[in-house]
Amino acid sequence: MKAIRIAAAISLLAVFASCDSRLYYERNYVMEDEEWLRDSVLEFSVPVTDTLQAYNILFNNRITGQYPYSNMYLFITIAAPDKSHQVDTLECILADNHGKWLGSGFGNVWTNNVYYKKNVKFPKSGTYIFYVEQAMRVEKLPHVLSAGIRIEKNN
């Protein structure tokens, strides 16, 4: 009986580990007081060694049901190892036209993973630094629990 429980636990761990085999990098920042301040720039240092691998880059966010908007605008700056910079604006759609939250929810918390770029190859090896800031034209963006990026291998 004990051997069966151990085998079941190992099998369960293997299933969970294999579910996220595409994950290359992920980091999320928890927002103090559930607010994302305008001058709070999130920084992510991503080491890249394989310039042939294609990746998908996603923006993660967790909000409460009291978030006052149906979207979230972001400014994203990518600093490459050669010191070049790329600046973009990303709109994350968080609710449909009827006000129904998108993503996955549990209780009053909603999680979204919004694609920023798909099938990207980093041209040089080295550390890429992603800077992400909220661009909603308010000093304090309320009801934001966390924000981050996720980079997956595109197999």
N, C-alpha and C. Protein backbone atom coordinates (compact mmCIF):
# COMPACT_ATOMS: atom_id res chain seq x y z
N MET A 1 0.82 -1.19 0.00
CA MET A 1 0.00 0.00 0.00
C MET A 1 0.87 1.26 0.00
N LYS A 2 1.91 1.26 0.82
CA LYS A 2 2.81 2.40 0.89
C LYS A 2 3.53 2.59 -0.45
N ALA A 3 3.93 1.51 -1.10
CA ALA A 3 4.62 1.59 -2.39
C ALA A 3 3.70 2.18 -3.45
N ILE A 4 2.40 1.87 -3.38
CA ILE A 4 1.43 2.41 -4.34
C ILE A 4 1.30 3.93 -4.16
N ARG A 5 1.26 4.39 -2.90
CA ARG A 5 1.17 5.84 -2.63
C ARG A 5 2.40 6.57 -3.14
N ILE A 6 3.57 5.98 -2.90
CA ILE A 6 4.81 6.61 -3.36
C ILE A 6 4.83 6.67 -4.89
N ALA A 7 4.45 5.59 -5.55
CA ALA A 7 4.41 5.56 -7.01
C ALA A 7 3.41 6.58 -7.54
N ALA A 8 2.27 6.72 -6.89
CA ALA A 8 1.26 7.70 -7.32
C ALA A 8 1.78 9.12 -7.15
N ALA A 9 2.46 9.39 -6.05
CA ALA A 9 3.02 10.72 -5.82
C ALA A 9 4.09 11.05 -6.86
N ILE A 10 4.95 10.11 -7.18
CA ILE A 10 5.99 10.33 -8.20
C ILE A 10 5.36 10.55 -9.56
N SER A 11 4.34 9.78 -9.88
CA SER A 11 3.64 9.95 -11.16
C SER A 11 3.00 11.32 -11.25
N LEU A 12 2.38 11.76 -10.15
CA LEU A 12 1.74 13.07 -10.13
C LEU A 12 2.77 14.19 -10.32
N LEU A 13 3.90 14.08 -9.66
CA LEU A 13 4.97 15.07 -9.83
C LEU A 13 5.48 15.09 -11.26
N ALA A 14 5.62 13.93 -11.87
CA ALA A 14 6.09 13.86 -13.26
C ALA A 14 5.10 14.52 -14.21
N VAL A 15 3.81 14.34 -13.95
CA VAL A 15 2.78 14.97 -14.79
C VAL A 15 2.87 16.48 -14.67
N PHE A 16 2.98 17.01 -13.44
CA PHE A 16 3.07 18.45 -13.26
C PHE A 16 4.35 19.01 -13.87
N ALA A 17 5.44 18.32 -13.75
CA ALA A 17 6.71 18.79 -14.31
C ALA A 17 6.66 18.82 -15.83
N SER A 18 6.02 17.84 -16.45
CA SER A 18 5.98 17.78 -17.90
C SER A 18 4.99 18.77 -18.50
N CYS A 19 4.04 19.26 -17.72
CA CYS A 19 3.04 20.20 -18.22
C CYS A 19 3.67 21.53 -18.63
N ASP A 20 4.76 21.88 -18.03
CA ASP A 20 5.36 23.19 -18.28
C ASP A 20 6.75 23.05 -18.90
N SER A 21 6.94 22.06 -19.76
CA SER A 21 8.26 21.81 -20.33
C SER A 21 8.70 22.91 -21.29
N ARG A 22 7.77 23.73 -21.77
CA ARG A 22 8.13 24.82 -22.68
C ARG A 22 8.66 26.05 -21.95
N LEU A 23 8.45 26.14 -20.65
CA LEU A 23 8.85 27.32 -19.89
C LEU A 23 10.36 27.54 -19.97
N TYR A 24 10.76 28.74 -20.36
CA TYR A 24 12.17 29.11 -20.40
C TYR A 24 12.50 30.10 -19.28
N TYR A 25 11.61 31.08 -19.08
CA TYR A 25 11.84 32.11 -18.07
C TYR A 25 10.48 32.61 -17.60
N GLU A 26 10.37 32.85 -16.30
CA GLU A 26 9.16 33.49 -15.79
C GLU A 26 9.49 34.18 -14.48
N ARG A 27 9.00 35.40 -14.36
CA ARG A 27 9.14 36.14 -13.11
C ARG A 27 7.96 37.08 -12.99
N ASN A 28 7.41 37.16 -11.80
CA ASN A 28 6.28 38.04 -11.52
C ASN A 28 6.59 38.88 -10.30
N TYR A 29 6.19 40.14 -10.35
CA TYR A 29 6.33 41.05 -9.21
C TYR A 29 4.98 41.20 -8.54
N VAL A 30 4.95 41.11 -7.22
CA VAL A 30 3.75 41.35 -6.44
C VAL A 30 3.68 42.84 -6.15
N MET A 31 2.52 43.44 -6.42
CA MET A 31 2.34 44.88 -6.24
C MET A 31 1.97 45.20 -4.79
N GLU A 32 2.70 46.13 -4.22
CA GLU A 32 2.43 46.56 -2.86
C GLU A 32 1.10 47.32 -2.84
N ASP A 33 0.25 47.03 -1.89
CA ASP A 33 -1.07 47.66 -1.73
C ASP A 33 -1.97 47.47 -2.96
N GLU A 34 -1.71 46.44 -3.75
CA GLU A 34 -2.51 46.14 -4.95
C GLU A 34 -2.59 47.33 -5.90
N GLU A 35 -1.48 48.07 -6.02
CA GLU A 35 -1.42 49.22 -6.93
C GLU A 35 -0.12 49.16 -7.72
N TRP A 36 -0.23 49.44 -9.01
CA TRP A 36 0.96 49.54 -9.85
C TRP A 36 1.20 51.03 -10.08
N LEU A 37 2.24 51.54 -9.46
CA LEU A 37 2.56 52.96 -9.56
C LEU A 37 3.16 53.28 -10.92
N ARG A 38 2.86 54.46 -11.42
CA ARG A 38 3.33 54.89 -12.74
C ARG A 38 4.86 54.84 -12.83
N ASP A 39 5.55 55.22 -11.77
CA ASP A 39 7.01 55.26 -11.81
C ASP A 39 7.66 53.94 -11.39
N SER A 40 6.86 52.90 -11.22
CA SER A 40 7.38 51.58 -10.86
C SER A 40 7.63 50.76 -12.14
N VAL A 41 8.88 50.72 -12.57
CA VAL A 41 9.25 49.99 -13.78
C VAL A 41 9.75 48.61 -13.36
N LEU A 42 9.12 47.59 -13.92
CA LEU A 42 9.53 46.22 -13.62
C LEU A 42 10.68 45.84 -14.53
N GLU A 43 11.68 45.18 -13.97
CA GLU A 43 12.88 44.81 -14.73
C GLU A 43 13.08 43.31 -14.68
N PHE A 44 13.35 42.75 -15.88
CA PHE A 44 13.55 41.31 -16.02
C PHE A 44 14.83 41.07 -16.80
N SER A 45 15.78 40.37 -16.22
CA SER A 45 17.04 40.03 -16.90
C SER A 45 16.95 38.59 -17.39
N VAL A 46 16.98 38.43 -18.71
CA VAL A 46 16.78 37.12 -19.32
C VAL A 46 18.05 36.70 -20.05
N PRO A 47 18.74 35.68 -19.55
CA PRO A 47 19.94 35.19 -20.24
C PRO A 47 19.55 34.34 -21.45
N VAL A 48 20.14 34.64 -22.58
CA VAL A 48 19.86 33.89 -23.81
C VAL A 48 21.17 33.33 -24.35
N THR A 49 21.20 32.02 -24.57
CA THR A 49 22.39 31.38 -25.15
C THR A 49 22.10 30.76 -26.51
N ASP A 50 20.84 30.39 -26.74
CA ASP A 50 20.47 29.72 -27.98
C ASP A 50 19.80 30.71 -28.93
N THR A 51 20.50 31.14 -29.96
CA THR A 51 19.95 32.10 -30.91
C THR A 51 19.15 31.43 -32.03
N LEU A 52 19.11 30.11 -32.06
CA LEU A 52 18.33 29.39 -33.06
C LEU A 52 16.93 29.02 -32.56
N GLN A 53 16.76 28.99 -31.25
CA GLN A 53 15.47 28.63 -30.64
C GLN A 53 14.47 29.77 -30.82
N ALA A 54 13.24 29.44 -31.18
CA ALA A 54 12.16 30.42 -31.26
C ALA A 54 11.41 30.42 -29.92
N TYR A 55 10.95 31.60 -29.51
CA TYR A 55 10.28 31.77 -28.23
C TYR A 55 8.96 32.52 -28.40
N ASN A 56 8.07 32.32 -27.46
CA ASN A 56 6.87 33.14 -27.31
C ASN A 56 7.05 33.96 -26.04
N ILE A 57 6.74 35.25 -26.11
CA ILE A 57 6.87 36.13 -24.96
C ILE A 57 5.47 36.57 -24.55
N LEU A 58 5.14 36.36 -23.28
CA LEU A 58 3.82 36.71 -22.77
C LEU A 58 3.95 37.66 -21.59
N PHE A 59 2.92 38.46 -21.39
CA PHE A 59 2.83 39.31 -20.22
C PHE A 59 1.81 38.68 -19.27
N ASN A 60 2.19 38.49 -18.02
CA ASN A 60 1.32 37.93 -17.00
C ASN A 60 0.74 39.06 -16.16
N ASN A 61 -0.52 38.95 -15.77
CA ASN A 61 -1.04 39.86 -14.76
C ASN A 61 -2.13 39.17 -13.97
N ARG A 62 -2.24 39.59 -12.73
CA ARG A 62 -3.32 39.15 -11.84
C ARG A 62 -3.98 40.40 -11.31
N ILE A 63 -5.30 40.46 -11.48
CA ILE A 63 -6.08 41.61 -11.03
C ILE A 63 -7.23 41.13 -10.17
N THR A 64 -7.85 42.05 -9.43
CA THR A 64 -9.07 41.71 -8.72
C THR A 64 -10.26 42.10 -9.59
N GLY A 65 -11.42 41.62 -9.22
CA GLY A 65 -12.65 41.95 -9.95
C GLY A 65 -13.03 43.41 -9.87
N GLN A 66 -12.35 44.18 -9.01
CA GLN A 66 -12.63 45.62 -8.90
C GLN A 66 -11.74 46.46 -9.82
N TYR A 67 -10.89 45.80 -10.60
CA TYR A 67 -10.04 46.55 -11.54
C TYR A 67 -10.97 47.42 -12.40
N PRO A 68 -10.70 48.73 -12.50
CA PRO A 68 -11.69 49.65 -13.10
C PRO A 68 -11.70 49.73 -14.62
N TYR A 69 -10.85 49.00 -15.30
CA TYR A 69 -10.77 49.10 -16.76
C TYR A 69 -10.95 47.72 -17.40
N SER A 70 -11.21 47.71 -18.69
CA SER A 70 -11.33 46.44 -19.42
C SER A 70 -10.02 46.07 -20.10
N ASN A 71 -9.02 46.94 -19.98
CA ASN A 71 -7.73 46.67 -20.61
C ASN A 71 -6.60 47.22 -19.74
N MET A 72 -5.39 47.00 -20.19
CA MET A 72 -4.21 47.53 -19.52
C MET A 72 -3.16 47.80 -20.60
N TYR A 73 -2.72 49.04 -20.69
CA TYR A 73 -1.66 49.40 -21.63
C TYR A 73 -0.32 49.34 -20.92
N LEU A 74 0.68 48.86 -21.65
CA LEU A 74 2.04 48.74 -21.11
C LEU A 74 3.04 49.34 -22.08
N PHE A 75 4.09 49.93 -21.54
CA PHE A 75 5.27 50.27 -22.32
C PHE A 75 6.30 49.20 -22.02
N ILE A 76 6.85 48.61 -23.08
CA ILE A 76 7.86 47.56 -22.92
C ILE A 76 9.11 47.99 -23.67
N THR A 77 10.23 47.99 -22.98
CA THR A 77 11.52 48.28 -23.59
C THR A 77 12.39 47.05 -23.43
N ILE A 78 13.02 46.65 -24.54
CA ILE A 78 13.94 45.51 -24.51
C ILE A 78 15.33 46.03 -24.82
N ALA A 79 16.24 45.85 -23.88
CA ALA A 79 17.64 46.22 -24.08
C ALA A 79 18.42 44.96 -24.42
N ALA A 80 19.00 44.94 -25.62
CA ALA A 80 19.75 43.78 -26.09
C ALA A 80 21.19 43.82 -25.58
N PRO A 81 21.91 42.70 -25.67
CA PRO A 81 23.31 42.67 -25.21
C PRO A 81 24.21 43.66 -25.94
N ASP A 82 23.86 44.02 -27.18
CA ASP A 82 24.68 44.98 -27.93
C ASP A 82 24.32 46.42 -27.63
N LYS A 83 23.51 46.65 -26.59
CA LYS A 83 23.08 47.97 -26.12
C LYS A 83 22.00 48.61 -26.98
N SER A 84 21.49 47.92 -28.00
CA SER A 84 20.37 48.46 -28.77
C SER A 84 19.08 48.29 -27.95
N HIS A 85 18.10 49.13 -28.27
CA HIS A 85 16.83 49.11 -27.55
C HIS A 85 15.67 49.02 -28.52
N GLN A 86 14.64 48.32 -28.09
CA GLN A 86 13.39 48.25 -28.84
C GLN A 86 12.29 48.66 -27.86
N VAL A 87 11.43 49.59 -28.28
CA VAL A 87 10.36 50.08 -27.42
C VAL A 87 9.03 49.78 -28.09
N ASP A 88 8.09 49.23 -27.32
CA ASP A 88 6.76 48.88 -27.82
C ASP A 88 5.69 49.28 -26.82
N THR A 89 4.47 49.34 -27.32
CA THR A 89 3.29 49.49 -26.49
C THR A 89 2.45 48.24 -26.67
N LEU A 90 1.97 47.69 -25.58
CA LEU A 90 1.13 46.50 -25.62
C LEU A 90 -0.19 46.80 -24.94
N GLU A 91 -1.29 46.46 -25.60
CA GLU A 91 -2.60 46.55 -24.97
C GLU A 91 -3.02 45.14 -24.56
N CYS A 92 -3.30 44.97 -23.29
CA CYS A 92 -3.80 43.70 -22.77
C CYS A 92 -5.31 43.84 -22.60
N ILE A 93 -6.07 43.07 -23.35
CA ILE A 93 -7.53 43.07 -23.22
C ILE A 93 -7.89 42.14 -22.06
N LEU A 94 -8.53 42.68 -21.03
CA LEU A 94 -8.81 41.91 -19.82
C LEU A 94 -10.28 41.55 -19.66
N ALA A 95 -11.17 42.21 -20.42
CA ALA A 95 -12.60 41.91 -20.35
C ALA A 95 -13.20 42.02 -21.74
N ASP A 96 -14.29 41.29 -21.97
CA ASP A 96 -14.95 41.37 -23.27
C ASP A 96 -15.85 42.60 -23.33
N ASN A 97 -16.57 42.77 -24.43
CA ASN A 97 -17.43 43.95 -24.62
C ASN A 97 -18.59 44.02 -23.64
N HIS A 98 -18.90 42.91 -22.99
CA HIS A 98 -20.00 42.87 -22.02
C HIS A 98 -19.49 42.99 -20.58
N GLY A 99 -18.19 43.20 -20.41
CA GLY A 99 -17.63 43.35 -19.08
C GLY A 99 -17.24 42.06 -18.40
N LYS A 100 -17.32 40.94 -19.10
CA LYS A 100 -16.94 39.64 -18.52
C LYS A 100 -15.42 39.53 -18.55
N TRP A 101 -14.85 39.23 -17.39
CA TRP A 101 -13.39 39.10 -17.31
C TRP A 101 -12.90 37.94 -18.15
N LEU A 102 -11.77 38.14 -18.81
CA LEU A 102 -11.12 37.09 -19.59
C LEU A 102 -10.06 36.43 -18.73
N GLY A 103 -9.45 35.39 -19.22
CA GLY A 103 -8.43 34.69 -18.46
C GLY A 103 -9.06 33.67 -17.53
N SER A 104 -8.33 33.29 -16.51
CA SER A 104 -8.85 32.32 -15.55
C SER A 104 -9.09 33.03 -14.23
N GLY A 105 -10.16 32.65 -13.56
CA GLY A 105 -10.51 33.31 -12.32
C GLY A 105 -10.82 32.33 -11.22
N PHE A 106 -10.54 32.76 -10.01
CA PHE A 106 -10.87 32.00 -8.82
C PHE A 106 -11.28 33.01 -7.77
N GLY A 107 -12.53 32.97 -7.37
CA GLY A 107 -13.03 33.96 -6.43
C GLY A 107 -13.04 35.32 -7.10
N ASN A 108 -12.34 36.26 -6.53
CA ASN A 108 -12.31 37.64 -7.03
C ASN A 108 -10.99 37.96 -7.74
N VAL A 109 -10.19 36.95 -8.06
CA VAL A 109 -8.88 37.16 -8.68
C VAL A 109 -8.88 36.60 -10.09
N TRP A 110 -8.37 37.40 -11.03
CA TRP A 110 -8.33 37.00 -12.44
C TRP A 110 -6.90 37.03 -12.93
N THR A 111 -6.51 35.97 -13.62
CA THR A 111 -5.15 35.83 -14.14
C THR A 111 -5.20 35.81 -15.66
N ASN A 112 -4.33 36.59 -16.27
CA ASN A 112 -4.23 36.64 -17.73
C ASN A 112 -2.78 36.44 -18.15
N ASN A 113 -2.61 35.76 -19.26
CA ASN A 113 -1.31 35.61 -19.92
C ASN A 113 -1.52 36.09 -21.35
N VAL A 114 -1.04 37.28 -21.63
CA VAL A 114 -1.30 37.94 -22.91
C VAL A 114 -0.04 37.84 -23.78
N TYR A 115 -0.20 37.36 -25.01
CA TYR A 115 0.94 37.27 -25.92
C TYR A 115 1.44 38.65 -26.29
N TYR A 116 2.72 38.85 -26.13
CA TYR A 116 3.39 40.07 -26.56
C TYR A 116 4.02 39.84 -27.93
N LYS A 117 4.79 38.75 -28.07
CA LYS A 117 5.41 38.38 -29.34
C LYS A 117 5.42 36.86 -29.45
N LYS A 118 5.19 36.38 -30.66
CA LYS A 118 5.22 34.94 -30.92
C LYS A 118 6.35 34.62 -31.88
N ASN A 119 6.93 33.44 -31.68
CA ASN A 119 7.95 32.91 -32.59
C ASN A 119 9.13 33.86 -32.79
N VAL A 120 9.65 34.37 -31.69
CA VAL A 120 10.76 35.32 -31.70
C VAL A 120 12.08 34.58 -31.54
N LYS A 121 13.08 34.99 -32.32
CA LYS A 121 14.44 34.49 -32.13
C LYS A 121 15.30 35.67 -31.69
N PHE A 122 16.05 35.45 -30.62
CA PHE A 122 16.95 36.49 -30.15
C PHE A 122 18.21 36.45 -31.03
N PRO A 123 18.59 37.56 -31.65
CA PRO A 123 19.67 37.54 -32.63
C PRO A 123 21.07 37.38 -32.05
N LYS A 124 21.26 37.75 -30.78
CA LYS A 124 22.58 37.65 -30.16
C LYS A 124 22.45 36.94 -28.82
N SER A 125 23.47 36.19 -28.46
CA SER A 125 23.45 35.59 -27.13
C SER A 125 23.89 36.64 -26.12
N GLY A 126 23.46 36.46 -24.90
CA GLY A 126 23.76 37.42 -23.83
C GLY A 126 22.51 37.68 -23.02
N THR A 127 22.56 38.70 -22.18
CA THR A 127 21.44 39.03 -21.32
C THR A 127 20.58 40.13 -21.95
N TYR A 128 19.30 39.82 -22.10
CA TYR A 128 18.31 40.78 -22.58
C TYR A 128 17.57 41.30 -21.35
N ILE A 129 17.42 42.61 -21.26
CA ILE A 129 16.70 43.19 -20.13
C ILE A 129 15.39 43.77 -20.63
N PHE A 130 14.29 43.28 -20.04
CA PHE A 130 12.95 43.76 -20.36
C PHE A 130 12.53 44.73 -19.26
N TYR A 131 12.11 45.92 -19.66
CA TYR A 131 11.56 46.91 -18.73
C TYR A 131 10.08 47.05 -19.06
N VAL A 132 9.22 46.88 -18.07
CA VAL A 132 7.77 46.95 -18.29
C VAL A 132 7.19 47.98 -17.31
N GLU A 133 6.40 48.91 -17.88
CA GLU A 133 5.74 49.89 -17.03
C GLU A 133 4.29 50.05 -17.48
N GLN A 134 3.44 50.35 -16.52
CA GLN A 134 2.03 50.56 -16.85
C GLN A 134 1.91 51.90 -17.55
N ALA A 135 1.03 51.95 -18.55
CA ALA A 135 0.87 53.15 -19.37
C ALA A 135 -0.60 53.59 -19.39
N MET A 136 -1.23 53.55 -18.24
CA MET A 136 -2.67 53.83 -18.17
C MET A 136 -2.99 55.29 -17.84
N ARG A 137 -2.00 56.14 -17.76
CA ARG A 137 -2.19 57.58 -17.52
C ARG A 137 -2.80 57.88 -16.15
N VAL A 138 -2.54 57.02 -15.21
CA VAL A 138 -2.92 57.26 -13.82
C VAL A 138 -1.69 57.02 -12.96
N GLU A 139 -1.57 57.77 -11.88
CA GLU A 139 -0.41 57.59 -11.00
C GLU A 139 -0.41 56.24 -10.31
N LYS A 140 -1.59 55.81 -9.88
CA LYS A 140 -1.74 54.53 -9.18
C LYS A 140 -2.78 53.70 -9.91
N LEU A 141 -2.34 52.61 -10.52
CA LEU A 141 -3.27 51.71 -11.20
C LEU A 141 -3.77 50.72 -10.15
N PRO A 142 -5.06 50.83 -9.75
CA PRO A 142 -5.55 50.04 -8.62
C PRO A 142 -5.93 48.61 -8.99
N HIS A 143 -5.95 47.78 -7.96
CA HIS A 143 -6.43 46.39 -8.03
C HIS A 143 -5.58 45.50 -8.94
N VAL A 144 -4.29 45.81 -9.02
CA VAL A 144 -3.33 44.95 -9.72
C VAL A 144 -2.55 44.20 -8.64
N LEU A 145 -2.66 42.88 -8.64
CA LEU A 145 -2.00 42.06 -7.63
C LEU A 145 -0.56 41.75 -8.01
N SER A 146 -0.36 41.40 -9.29
CA SER A 146 1.00 41.08 -9.74
C SER A 146 1.10 41.27 -11.23
N ALA A 147 2.34 41.38 -11.70
CA ALA A 147 2.61 41.53 -13.14
C ALA A 147 3.98 40.94 -13.41
N GLY A 148 4.14 40.38 -14.62
CA GLY A 148 5.42 39.78 -14.96
C GLY A 148 5.47 39.34 -16.40
N ILE A 149 6.56 38.66 -16.73
CA ILE A 149 6.68 38.10 -18.08
C ILE A 149 6.95 36.61 -18.00
N ARG A 150 6.60 35.96 -19.08
CA ARG A 150 6.83 34.54 -19.25
C ARG A 150 7.39 34.35 -20.65
N ILE A 151 8.46 33.59 -20.75
CA ILE A 151 9.04 33.27 -22.06
C ILE A 151 9.04 31.76 -22.20
N GLU A 152 8.41 31.30 -23.28
CA GLU A 152 8.28 29.87 -23.55
C GLU A 152 9.04 29.50 -24.81
N LYS A 153 9.58 28.30 -24.82
CA LYS A 153 10.16 27.77 -26.05
C LYS A 153 9.02 27.45 -26.99
N ASN A 154 9.16 27.87 -28.23
CA ASN A 154 8.16 27.58 -29.25
C ASN A 154 8.64 26.37 -30.03
N ASN A 155 8.13 25.22 -29.67
CA ASN A 155 8.60 23.97 -30.30
C ASN A 155 7.87 23.69 -31.59
